[in-house]
């Protein structure tokens, strides 16, 4: 997949990401950019199995939570970091657009994955991505990401069935150039 930076994506549900580039660092690559989130919006509880993620608030107030812990907040100039494998969520806890500088390391497939998830959300017109695209992405990239607010029955039964049905119905041709998932070492 060839991406030109800056690369902007929007999900139609209050989130906009601008990927500004990828920096090569001695211990791996880091994708960096900005996010803009409308009041009350933000991703549900999720996990990046292989990546650390950080935010510095430029404008507004971010609410965030690590699974099993209490909700916390950060304001302008403050930074938060989620370690790989740490389930978390964040949202705009203010009344104006939340703007953050953000990074994820290592970059792996995050730009493709989030671009595809945002496109699937825009396609459905809801926070939930279009079902076949979601099944494909959550199956192919299960070694990298998981959405923990999806009920276990849906994750373990419905998504695999939807994925298989999508293969039979040729629903995944638009993913022909999708990068391979990164496997844990």
N, C-alpha and C. Protein backbone atom coordinates (compact mmCIF):
# COMPACT_ATOMS: atom_id res chain seq x y z
N UNK A 1 0.84 -1.17 0.00
CA UNK A 1 0.00 0.00 0.00
C UNK A 1 0.89 1.24 0.00
N UNK A 2 0.67 2.13 -0.90
CA UNK A 2 1.47 3.33 -1.03
C UNK A 2 0.66 4.51 -0.51
N UNK A 3 1.14 5.16 0.54
CA UNK A 3 0.44 6.28 1.15
C UNK A 3 1.27 7.53 0.98
N UNK A 4 0.62 8.60 0.58
CA UNK A 4 1.26 9.90 0.46
C UNK A 4 0.88 10.72 1.69
N UNK A 5 1.86 11.34 2.31
CA UNK A 5 1.61 12.16 3.50
C UNK A 5 1.66 13.63 3.13
N UNK A 6 0.81 14.45 3.76
CA UNK A 6 -0.15 14.08 4.80
C UNK A 6 -1.30 13.26 4.23
N UNK A 7 -1.84 12.37 5.06
CA UNK A 7 -2.94 11.48 4.69
C UNK A 7 -4.06 11.72 5.71
N UNK A 8 -5.20 12.23 5.24
CA UNK A 8 -6.31 12.61 6.12
C UNK A 8 -7.45 11.62 5.97
N UNK A 9 -7.99 11.19 7.12
CA UNK A 9 -9.15 10.31 7.12
C UNK A 9 -10.20 10.87 8.09
N UNK A 10 -11.47 10.63 7.77
CA UNK A 10 -12.58 11.01 8.64
C UNK A 10 -13.58 9.86 8.66
N UNK A 11 -14.18 9.62 9.84
CA UNK A 11 -15.13 8.51 9.94
C UNK A 11 -16.59 8.94 9.83
N UNK A 12 -16.84 10.24 9.72
CA UNK A 12 -18.22 10.72 9.63
C UNK A 12 -18.94 10.73 10.96
N UNK A 13 -18.24 10.37 12.04
CA UNK A 13 -18.83 10.31 13.37
C UNK A 13 -18.06 11.14 14.38
N UNK A 14 -17.38 12.18 13.90
CA UNK A 14 -16.73 13.09 14.82
C UNK A 14 -15.24 12.93 14.99
N UNK A 15 -14.61 12.05 14.20
CA UNK A 15 -13.16 11.88 14.31
C UNK A 15 -12.48 12.14 12.97
N UNK A 16 -11.41 12.90 13.04
CA UNK A 16 -10.58 13.17 11.87
C UNK A 16 -9.13 12.96 12.29
N UNK A 17 -8.39 12.21 11.48
CA UNK A 17 -6.96 11.97 11.72
C UNK A 17 -6.18 12.47 10.52
N UNK A 18 -5.07 13.12 10.80
CA UNK A 18 -4.15 13.55 9.75
C UNK A 18 -2.81 12.89 10.05
N UNK A 19 -2.47 11.88 9.26
CA UNK A 19 -1.16 11.25 9.39
C UNK A 19 -0.16 12.13 8.66
N UNK A 20 0.83 12.63 9.38
CA UNK A 20 1.79 13.56 8.80
C UNK A 20 3.01 12.88 8.22
N UNK A 21 3.35 11.70 8.71
CA UNK A 21 4.51 11.00 8.18
C UNK A 21 4.97 9.90 9.10
N UNK A 22 6.05 9.25 8.68
CA UNK A 22 6.66 8.17 9.45
C UNK A 22 8.13 8.53 9.64
N UNK A 23 8.58 8.49 10.88
CA UNK A 23 9.98 8.78 11.19
C UNK A 23 10.69 7.47 11.52
N UNK A 24 11.83 7.27 10.90
CA UNK A 24 12.65 6.10 11.22
C UNK A 24 13.48 6.44 12.45
N UNK A 25 13.39 5.61 13.47
CA UNK A 25 14.14 5.82 14.71
C UNK A 25 15.00 4.59 14.95
N UNK A 26 16.03 4.70 15.78
CA UNK A 26 16.94 3.57 15.98
C UNK A 26 16.24 2.28 16.42
N UNK A 27 15.14 2.41 17.16
CA UNK A 27 14.44 1.21 17.65
C UNK A 27 13.12 0.96 16.92
N UNK A 28 12.95 1.51 15.71
CA UNK A 28 11.74 1.26 14.93
C UNK A 28 11.13 2.53 14.40
N UNK A 29 10.11 2.37 13.57
CA UNK A 29 9.48 3.54 12.95
C UNK A 29 8.31 4.03 13.80
N UNK A 30 8.04 5.32 13.69
CA UNK A 30 6.96 5.97 14.44
C UNK A 30 6.12 6.76 13.44
N UNK A 31 4.81 6.50 13.41
CA UNK A 31 3.91 7.31 12.61
C UNK A 31 3.42 8.44 13.51
N UNK A 32 3.36 9.62 12.96
CA UNK A 32 2.93 10.76 13.77
C UNK A 32 1.91 11.58 13.01
N UNK A 33 1.11 12.30 13.76
CA UNK A 33 0.08 13.11 13.13
C UNK A 33 -0.72 13.90 14.14
N UNK A 34 -1.93 14.24 13.75
CA UNK A 34 -2.84 15.00 14.60
C UNK A 34 -4.22 14.35 14.54
N UNK A 35 -4.94 14.48 15.65
CA UNK A 35 -6.34 14.07 15.61
C UNK A 35 -7.22 15.19 16.07
N UNK A 36 -8.43 15.21 15.53
CA UNK A 36 -9.44 16.21 15.83
C UNK A 36 -10.72 15.45 16.15
N UNK A 37 -11.27 15.69 17.35
CA UNK A 37 -12.41 14.91 17.82
C UNK A 37 -13.49 15.86 18.33
N UNK A 38 -14.72 15.68 17.86
CA UNK A 38 -15.83 16.51 18.31
C UNK A 38 -16.23 16.13 19.74
N UNK A 39 -16.87 17.04 20.48
CA UNK A 39 -17.27 16.75 21.85
C UNK A 39 -18.06 15.45 21.97
N UNK A 40 -17.66 14.63 22.94
CA UNK A 40 -18.32 13.35 23.20
C UNK A 40 -17.87 12.21 22.31
N UNK A 41 -17.14 12.49 21.25
CA UNK A 41 -16.71 11.43 20.31
C UNK A 41 -15.35 10.87 20.70
N UNK A 42 -15.06 9.69 20.16
CA UNK A 42 -13.79 9.02 20.37
C UNK A 42 -13.98 7.52 20.19
N UNK A 43 -12.89 6.79 20.03
CA UNK A 43 -13.01 5.35 19.80
C UNK A 43 -13.41 4.59 21.07
N UNK A 44 -14.07 3.44 20.90
CA UNK A 44 -14.43 2.61 22.05
C UNK A 44 -13.18 1.91 22.60
N UNK A 45 -13.37 1.17 23.67
CA UNK A 45 -12.26 0.41 24.28
C UNK A 45 -11.64 -0.49 23.22
N UNK A 46 -10.33 -0.36 23.05
CA UNK A 46 -9.61 -1.14 22.05
C UNK A 46 -8.19 -1.38 22.53
N UNK A 47 -7.48 -2.21 21.80
CA UNK A 47 -6.10 -2.52 22.18
C UNK A 47 -5.25 -2.62 20.92
N UNK A 48 -4.03 -2.10 21.04
CA UNK A 48 -2.99 -2.29 20.03
C UNK A 48 -2.03 -3.30 20.66
N UNK A 49 -2.03 -4.52 20.18
CA UNK A 49 -1.22 -5.57 20.81
C UNK A 49 0.28 -5.31 20.66
N UNK A 50 0.69 -4.65 19.57
CA UNK A 50 2.11 -4.54 19.24
C UNK A 50 2.64 -3.11 19.22
N UNK A 51 1.84 -2.14 19.66
CA UNK A 51 2.22 -0.74 19.51
C UNK A 51 1.95 0.08 20.77
N UNK A 52 2.81 1.07 20.98
CA UNK A 52 2.57 2.11 21.98
C UNK A 52 1.91 3.28 21.25
N UNK A 53 1.10 4.05 21.99
CA UNK A 53 0.38 5.18 21.38
C UNK A 53 0.42 6.35 22.35
N UNK A 54 0.70 7.54 21.82
CA UNK A 54 0.76 8.71 22.69
C UNK A 54 0.02 9.91 22.11
N UNK A 55 -0.46 10.76 23.00
CA UNK A 55 -1.18 11.98 22.63
C UNK A 55 -0.67 13.14 23.49
N UNK A 56 -0.56 14.29 22.89
CA UNK A 56 -0.33 15.54 23.61
C UNK A 56 -1.47 16.47 23.21
N UNK A 57 -2.20 16.96 24.20
CA UNK A 57 -3.35 17.81 23.94
C UNK A 57 -2.85 19.20 23.49
N UNK A 58 -3.29 19.61 22.31
CA UNK A 58 -2.99 20.94 21.78
C UNK A 58 -4.10 21.91 22.16
N UNK A 59 -5.33 21.43 22.06
CA UNK A 59 -6.49 22.27 22.35
C UNK A 59 -7.62 21.38 22.87
N UNK A 60 -8.26 21.79 23.94
CA UNK A 60 -9.38 21.04 24.47
C UNK A 60 -9.03 20.19 25.67
N UNK A 61 -9.88 19.20 25.93
CA UNK A 61 -9.74 18.32 27.09
C UNK A 61 -10.02 16.89 26.65
N UNK A 62 -9.08 16.00 26.92
CA UNK A 62 -9.24 14.59 26.56
C UNK A 62 -9.60 13.79 27.81
N UNK A 63 -10.61 12.94 27.66
CA UNK A 63 -10.92 11.96 28.68
C UNK A 63 -10.32 10.64 28.21
N UNK A 64 -9.82 9.84 29.13
CA UNK A 64 -9.25 8.55 28.75
C UNK A 64 -9.38 7.56 29.89
N UNK A 65 -9.33 6.30 29.50
CA UNK A 65 -9.48 5.24 30.49
C UNK A 65 -8.70 4.02 30.04
N UNK A 66 -7.95 3.46 30.95
CA UNK A 66 -7.31 2.16 30.75
C UNK A 66 -8.26 1.15 31.37
N UNK A 67 -8.49 0.06 30.67
CA UNK A 67 -9.47 -0.93 31.12
C UNK A 67 -9.20 -1.32 32.58
N UNK A 68 -10.27 -1.29 33.39
CA UNK A 68 -10.17 -1.67 34.79
C UNK A 68 -9.78 -0.52 35.70
N UNK A 69 -9.50 0.65 35.13
CA UNK A 69 -9.12 1.80 35.94
C UNK A 69 -10.18 2.89 35.81
N UNK A 70 -10.08 3.90 36.65
CA UNK A 70 -11.06 4.99 36.60
C UNK A 70 -10.75 5.93 35.43
N UNK A 71 -11.76 6.66 35.02
CA UNK A 71 -11.60 7.66 33.96
C UNK A 71 -10.65 8.75 34.44
N UNK A 72 -9.85 9.26 33.50
CA UNK A 72 -8.91 10.35 33.80
C UNK A 72 -9.04 11.42 32.73
N UNK A 73 -8.41 12.56 32.97
CA UNK A 73 -8.52 13.68 32.04
C UNK A 73 -7.17 14.36 31.90
N UNK A 74 -6.95 14.94 30.72
CA UNK A 74 -5.74 15.73 30.46
C UNK A 74 -6.13 16.97 29.67
N UNK A 75 -5.43 18.07 29.95
CA UNK A 75 -5.73 19.33 29.28
C UNK A 75 -4.57 19.77 28.41
N UNK A 76 -4.68 20.97 27.91
CA UNK A 76 -3.70 21.51 26.97
C UNK A 76 -2.28 21.41 27.53
N UNK A 77 -1.39 20.90 26.68
CA UNK A 77 0.02 20.74 27.05
C UNK A 77 0.33 19.44 27.76
N UNK A 78 -0.69 18.70 28.18
CA UNK A 78 -0.45 17.43 28.88
C UNK A 78 -0.40 16.27 27.89
N UNK A 79 0.36 15.25 28.27
CA UNK A 79 0.54 14.06 27.41
C UNK A 79 0.08 12.81 28.13
N UNK A 80 -0.39 11.85 27.33
CA UNK A 80 -0.73 10.52 27.84
C UNK A 80 -0.13 9.49 26.90
N UNK A 81 0.23 8.33 27.45
CA UNK A 81 0.80 7.24 26.65
C UNK A 81 0.08 5.96 27.04
N UNK A 82 -0.32 5.19 26.03
CA UNK A 82 -0.88 3.86 26.23
C UNK A 82 0.17 2.87 25.75
N UNK A 83 0.56 1.96 26.62
CA UNK A 83 1.56 0.94 26.28
C UNK A 83 0.92 -0.17 25.46
N UNK A 84 1.72 -0.81 24.61
CA UNK A 84 1.21 -1.93 23.81
C UNK A 84 0.58 -2.97 24.72
N UNK A 85 -0.53 -3.52 24.23
CA UNK A 85 -1.25 -4.54 24.99
C UNK A 85 -2.13 -3.99 26.10
N UNK A 86 -2.21 -2.67 26.25
CA UNK A 86 -2.99 -2.03 27.31
C UNK A 86 -4.33 -1.56 26.74
N UNK A 87 -5.42 -2.26 27.04
CA UNK A 87 -6.73 -1.84 26.52
C UNK A 87 -7.07 -0.43 27.03
N UNK A 88 -7.56 0.41 26.11
CA UNK A 88 -7.83 1.80 26.45
C UNK A 88 -8.88 2.40 25.54
N UNK A 89 -9.37 3.55 25.94
CA UNK A 89 -10.27 4.33 25.12
C UNK A 89 -10.00 5.80 25.45
N UNK A 90 -10.43 6.68 24.56
CA UNK A 90 -10.34 8.11 24.83
C UNK A 90 -11.50 8.81 24.13
N UNK A 91 -11.78 10.04 24.57
CA UNK A 91 -12.88 10.79 24.00
C UNK A 91 -12.64 12.28 24.26
N UNK A 92 -13.37 13.09 23.55
CA UNK A 92 -13.33 14.52 23.77
C UNK A 92 -14.21 14.81 24.98
N UNK A 93 -13.60 15.23 26.08
CA UNK A 93 -14.32 15.49 27.32
C UNK A 93 -14.64 16.97 27.47
N UNK A 94 -14.42 17.76 26.44
CA UNK A 94 -14.67 19.19 26.50
C UNK A 94 -15.85 19.60 25.65
N UNK A 95 -15.93 20.91 25.41
CA UNK A 95 -17.05 21.46 24.66
C UNK A 95 -16.63 22.01 23.31
N UNK A 96 -15.35 21.94 22.98
CA UNK A 96 -14.83 22.38 21.69
C UNK A 96 -14.10 21.22 21.03
N UNK A 97 -13.70 21.40 19.80
CA UNK A 97 -12.96 20.34 19.10
C UNK A 97 -11.69 20.04 19.88
N UNK A 98 -11.46 18.77 20.16
CA UNK A 98 -10.22 18.31 20.79
C UNK A 98 -9.17 18.14 19.70
N UNK A 99 -8.02 18.75 19.87
CA UNK A 99 -6.92 18.60 18.93
C UNK A 99 -5.72 18.08 19.70
N UNK A 100 -5.15 16.99 19.19
CA UNK A 100 -3.97 16.40 19.82
C UNK A 100 -2.89 16.14 18.78
N UNK A 101 -1.65 16.23 19.19
CA UNK A 101 -0.55 15.65 18.42
C UNK A 101 -0.51 14.19 18.87
N UNK A 102 -0.29 13.31 17.93
CA UNK A 102 -0.35 11.89 18.26
C UNK A 102 0.77 11.12 17.58
N UNK A 103 1.11 9.96 18.14
CA UNK A 103 2.09 9.07 17.52
C UNK A 103 1.76 7.64 17.90
N UNK A 104 2.20 6.72 17.05
CA UNK A 104 2.08 5.28 17.31
C UNK A 104 3.39 4.65 16.87
N UNK A 105 3.90 3.75 17.72
CA UNK A 105 5.19 3.12 17.43
C UNK A 105 5.16 1.67 17.85
N UNK A 106 5.60 0.76 17.00
CA UNK A 106 5.97 0.95 15.60
C UNK A 106 4.72 1.15 14.73
N UNK A 107 4.94 1.73 13.57
CA UNK A 107 3.82 2.08 12.69
C UNK A 107 3.04 0.84 12.25
N UNK A 108 3.75 -0.23 11.91
CA UNK A 108 3.10 -1.46 11.42
C UNK A 108 2.03 -1.13 10.39
N UNK A 109 0.80 -1.61 10.58
CA UNK A 109 -0.27 -1.42 9.60
C UNK A 109 -1.29 -0.36 10.03
N UNK A 110 -0.96 0.46 11.03
CA UNK A 110 -1.97 1.34 11.62
C UNK A 110 -2.60 2.31 10.62
N UNK A 111 -1.81 2.86 9.69
CA UNK A 111 -2.39 3.83 8.76
C UNK A 111 -3.41 3.13 7.86
N UNK A 112 -3.07 1.95 7.35
CA UNK A 112 -4.04 1.21 6.53
C UNK A 112 -5.26 0.82 7.37
N UNK A 113 -5.02 0.24 8.54
CA UNK A 113 -6.11 -0.28 9.38
C UNK A 113 -7.09 0.83 9.73
N UNK A 114 -6.60 1.95 10.25
CA UNK A 114 -7.51 3.03 10.63
C UNK A 114 -8.18 3.66 9.41
N UNK A 115 -7.46 3.77 8.30
CA UNK A 115 -8.08 4.29 7.07
C UNK A 115 -9.24 3.40 6.66
N UNK A 116 -9.05 2.08 6.72
CA UNK A 116 -10.09 1.13 6.33
C UNK A 116 -11.26 1.13 7.32
N UNK A 117 -10.96 1.21 8.61
CA UNK A 117 -12.03 1.26 9.62
C UNK A 117 -12.85 2.55 9.46
N UNK A 118 -12.17 3.68 9.28
CA UNK A 118 -12.89 4.95 9.10
C UNK A 118 -13.75 4.91 7.84
N UNK A 119 -13.22 4.34 6.76
CA UNK A 119 -14.00 4.22 5.52
C UNK A 119 -15.22 3.32 5.74
N UNK A 120 -15.07 2.25 6.51
CA UNK A 120 -16.19 1.35 6.79
C UNK A 120 -17.23 2.02 7.68
N UNK A 121 -16.80 2.89 8.59
CA UNK A 121 -17.75 3.65 9.41
C UNK A 121 -18.50 4.65 8.53
N UNK A 122 -17.78 5.33 7.67
CA UNK A 122 -18.42 6.29 6.77
C UNK A 122 -19.41 5.58 5.85
N UNK A 123 -19.05 4.38 5.40
CA UNK A 123 -19.93 3.60 4.52
C UNK A 123 -21.24 3.23 5.24
N UNK A 124 -21.13 2.87 6.52
CA UNK A 124 -22.33 2.47 7.27
C UNK A 124 -23.13 3.67 7.76
N UNK A 125 -22.46 4.82 7.88
CA UNK A 125 -23.12 6.00 8.42
C UNK A 125 -23.34 5.94 9.92
N UNK A 126 -22.66 5.00 10.59
CA UNK A 126 -22.80 4.81 12.04
C UNK A 126 -21.41 4.67 12.67
N UNK A 127 -21.38 4.60 14.00
CA UNK A 127 -20.11 4.32 14.68
C UNK A 127 -19.63 2.91 14.36
N UNK A 128 -20.56 1.98 14.16
CA UNK A 128 -20.19 0.61 13.82
C UNK A 128 -19.83 0.56 12.34
N UNK A 129 -18.65 0.02 12.02
CA UNK A 129 -18.27 -0.09 10.61
C UNK A 129 -19.20 -1.05 9.86
N UNK A 130 -19.24 -0.91 8.56
CA UNK A 130 -19.99 -1.84 7.71
C UNK A 130 -19.56 -3.26 8.08
N UNK A 131 -20.51 -4.18 8.20
CA UNK A 131 -20.28 -5.50 8.81
C UNK A 131 -19.23 -6.34 8.08
N UNK A 132 -19.28 -6.43 6.76
CA UNK A 132 -18.31 -7.26 6.05
C UNK A 132 -16.90 -6.68 6.17
N UNK A 133 -16.77 -5.36 6.02
CA UNK A 133 -15.45 -4.75 6.15
C UNK A 133 -14.90 -4.95 7.57
N UNK A 134 -15.75 -4.76 8.57
CA UNK A 134 -15.32 -4.95 9.95
C UNK A 134 -14.86 -6.39 10.18
N UNK A 135 -15.63 -7.35 9.68
CA UNK A 135 -15.26 -8.75 9.85
C UNK A 135 -13.91 -9.04 9.20
N UNK A 136 -13.70 -8.52 8.01
CA UNK A 136 -12.42 -8.71 7.32
C UNK A 136 -11.27 -8.11 8.13
N UNK A 137 -11.41 -6.86 8.53
CA UNK A 137 -10.32 -6.16 9.22
C UNK A 137 -10.03 -6.77 10.59
N UNK A 138 -11.07 -7.10 11.34
CA UNK A 138 -10.85 -7.67 12.67
C UNK A 138 -10.32 -9.10 12.61
N UNK A 139 -10.58 -9.79 11.52
CA UNK A 139 -10.03 -11.14 11.35
C UNK A 139 -8.59 -11.07 10.86
N UNK A 140 -8.36 -10.34 9.79
CA UNK A 140 -7.01 -10.26 9.21
C UNK A 140 -5.99 -9.67 10.18
N UNK A 141 -6.40 -8.66 10.95
CA UNK A 141 -5.46 -7.95 11.82
C UNK A 141 -5.64 -8.26 13.30
N UNK A 142 -6.17 -9.45 13.60
CA UNK A 142 -6.40 -9.85 15.00
C UNK A 142 -5.11 -9.93 15.80
N UNK A 143 -3.98 -10.16 15.14
CA UNK A 143 -2.70 -10.22 15.87
C UNK A 143 -2.21 -8.83 16.27
N UNK A 144 -2.85 -7.78 15.71
CA UNK A 144 -2.42 -6.41 15.98
C UNK A 144 -3.41 -5.60 16.80
N UNK A 145 -4.72 -5.79 16.55
CA UNK A 145 -5.74 -4.93 17.15
C UNK A 145 -6.95 -5.75 17.58
N UNK A 146 -7.66 -5.22 18.58
CA UNK A 146 -8.94 -5.81 18.95
C UNK A 146 -9.84 -4.72 19.50
N UNK A 147 -11.12 -4.88 19.27
CA UNK A 147 -12.15 -3.95 19.75
C UNK A 147 -12.87 -4.66 20.89
N UNK A 148 -12.59 -4.25 22.12
CA UNK A 148 -13.02 -5.01 23.29
C UNK A 148 -14.46 -4.77 23.71
N UNK A 149 -15.12 -3.76 23.15
CA UNK A 149 -16.52 -3.53 23.50
C UNK A 149 -17.47 -4.37 22.66
N UNK A 150 -16.94 -5.09 21.69
CA UNK A 150 -17.78 -6.00 20.91
C UNK A 150 -18.06 -7.22 21.79
N UNK A 151 -19.31 -7.59 21.97
CA UNK A 151 -19.62 -8.75 22.82
C UNK A 151 -18.89 -10.01 22.36
N UNK A 152 -18.52 -10.85 23.32
CA UNK A 152 -17.74 -12.06 23.03
C UNK A 152 -18.44 -12.93 21.98
N UNK A 153 -19.76 -13.12 22.08
CA UNK A 153 -20.47 -13.94 21.09
C UNK A 153 -20.29 -13.38 19.68
N UNK A 154 -20.38 -12.08 19.55
CA UNK A 154 -20.19 -11.45 18.24
C UNK A 154 -18.76 -11.66 17.75
N UNK A 155 -17.78 -11.44 18.64
CA UNK A 155 -16.36 -11.58 18.25
C UNK A 155 -16.01 -13.02 17.90
N UNK A 156 -16.54 -13.98 18.65
CA UNK A 156 -16.13 -15.38 18.47
C UNK A 156 -17.00 -16.17 17.49
N UNK A 157 -18.24 -15.72 17.27
CA UNK A 157 -19.16 -16.47 16.41
C UNK A 157 -19.59 -15.66 15.19
N UNK A 158 -20.15 -14.49 15.43
CA UNK A 158 -20.73 -13.73 14.33
C UNK A 158 -19.68 -13.16 13.36
N UNK A 159 -18.59 -12.65 13.89
CA UNK A 159 -17.55 -12.09 13.01
C UNK A 159 -16.94 -13.17 12.12
N UNK A 160 -16.57 -14.35 12.66
CA UNK A 160 -16.04 -15.40 11.76
C UNK A 160 -17.05 -15.84 10.69
N UNK A 161 -18.33 -15.93 11.06
CA UNK A 161 -19.36 -16.30 10.08
C UNK A 161 -19.49 -15.21 9.02
N UNK A 162 -19.52 -13.95 9.45
CA UNK A 162 -19.62 -12.84 8.50
C UNK A 162 -18.41 -12.80 7.59
N UNK A 163 -17.22 -13.03 8.14
CA UNK A 163 -15.99 -13.05 7.35
C UNK A 163 -16.06 -14.14 6.27
N UNK A 164 -16.47 -15.34 6.67
CA UNK A 164 -16.57 -16.46 5.71
C UNK A 164 -17.62 -16.17 4.64
N UNK A 165 -18.74 -15.63 5.03
CA UNK A 165 -19.78 -15.27 4.07
C UNK A 165 -19.27 -14.21 3.11
N UNK A 166 -18.55 -13.23 3.63
CA UNK A 166 -17.97 -12.19 2.79
C UNK A 166 -17.01 -12.74 1.76
N UNK A 167 -16.23 -13.75 2.14
CA UNK A 167 -15.32 -14.39 1.19
C UNK A 167 -16.12 -15.07 0.08
N UNK A 168 -17.18 -15.78 0.47
CA UNK A 168 -18.01 -16.47 -0.52
C UNK A 168 -18.69 -15.49 -1.48
N UNK A 169 -19.05 -14.32 -0.98
CA UNK A 169 -19.76 -13.32 -1.79
C UNK A 169 -18.82 -12.32 -2.47
N UNK A 170 -17.52 -12.56 -2.38
CA UNK A 170 -16.51 -11.67 -2.98
C UNK A 170 -16.65 -10.22 -2.50
N UNK A 171 -16.83 -10.05 -1.21
CA UNK A 171 -17.00 -8.72 -0.63
C UNK A 171 -15.66 -8.02 -0.35
N UNK A 172 -14.54 -8.72 -0.57
CA UNK A 172 -13.26 -8.17 -0.12
C UNK A 172 -12.31 -7.79 -1.25
N UNK A 173 -12.82 -7.65 -2.45
CA UNK A 173 -11.95 -7.30 -3.57
C UNK A 173 -11.27 -5.95 -3.36
N UNK A 174 -11.93 -5.02 -2.67
CA UNK A 174 -11.32 -3.71 -2.42
C UNK A 174 -10.17 -3.79 -1.41
N UNK A 175 -9.94 -4.96 -0.83
CA UNK A 175 -8.82 -5.16 0.09
C UNK A 175 -7.68 -5.96 -0.56
N UNK A 176 -7.68 -6.08 -1.88
CA UNK A 176 -6.65 -6.87 -2.56
C UNK A 176 -5.24 -6.40 -2.25
N UNK A 177 -5.04 -5.11 -2.04
CA UNK A 177 -3.71 -4.57 -1.75
C UNK A 177 -3.46 -4.37 -0.27
N UNK A 178 -4.29 -4.96 0.57
CA UNK A 178 -4.12 -4.80 2.02
C UNK A 178 -2.79 -5.41 2.47
N UNK A 179 -2.07 -4.70 3.34
CA UNK A 179 -0.81 -5.25 3.83
C UNK A 179 -1.04 -6.48 4.69
N UNK A 180 -0.04 -7.31 4.75
CA UNK A 180 -0.09 -8.48 5.64
C UNK A 180 -0.12 -8.00 7.08
N UNK A 181 -0.77 -8.74 7.94
CA UNK A 181 -0.76 -8.42 9.35
C UNK A 181 0.62 -8.69 9.92
N UNK A 182 0.99 -7.92 10.93
CA UNK A 182 2.25 -8.14 11.61
C UNK A 182 1.99 -9.17 12.70
N UNK A 183 2.84 -10.15 12.75
CA UNK A 183 2.71 -11.22 13.75
C UNK A 183 3.63 -10.93 14.94
N UNK A 184 3.22 -11.26 16.13
CA UNK A 184 4.10 -11.07 17.30
C UNK A 184 5.37 -11.90 17.15
N UNK A 185 6.45 -11.39 17.69
CA UNK A 185 7.73 -12.12 17.61
C UNK A 185 7.87 -13.11 18.70
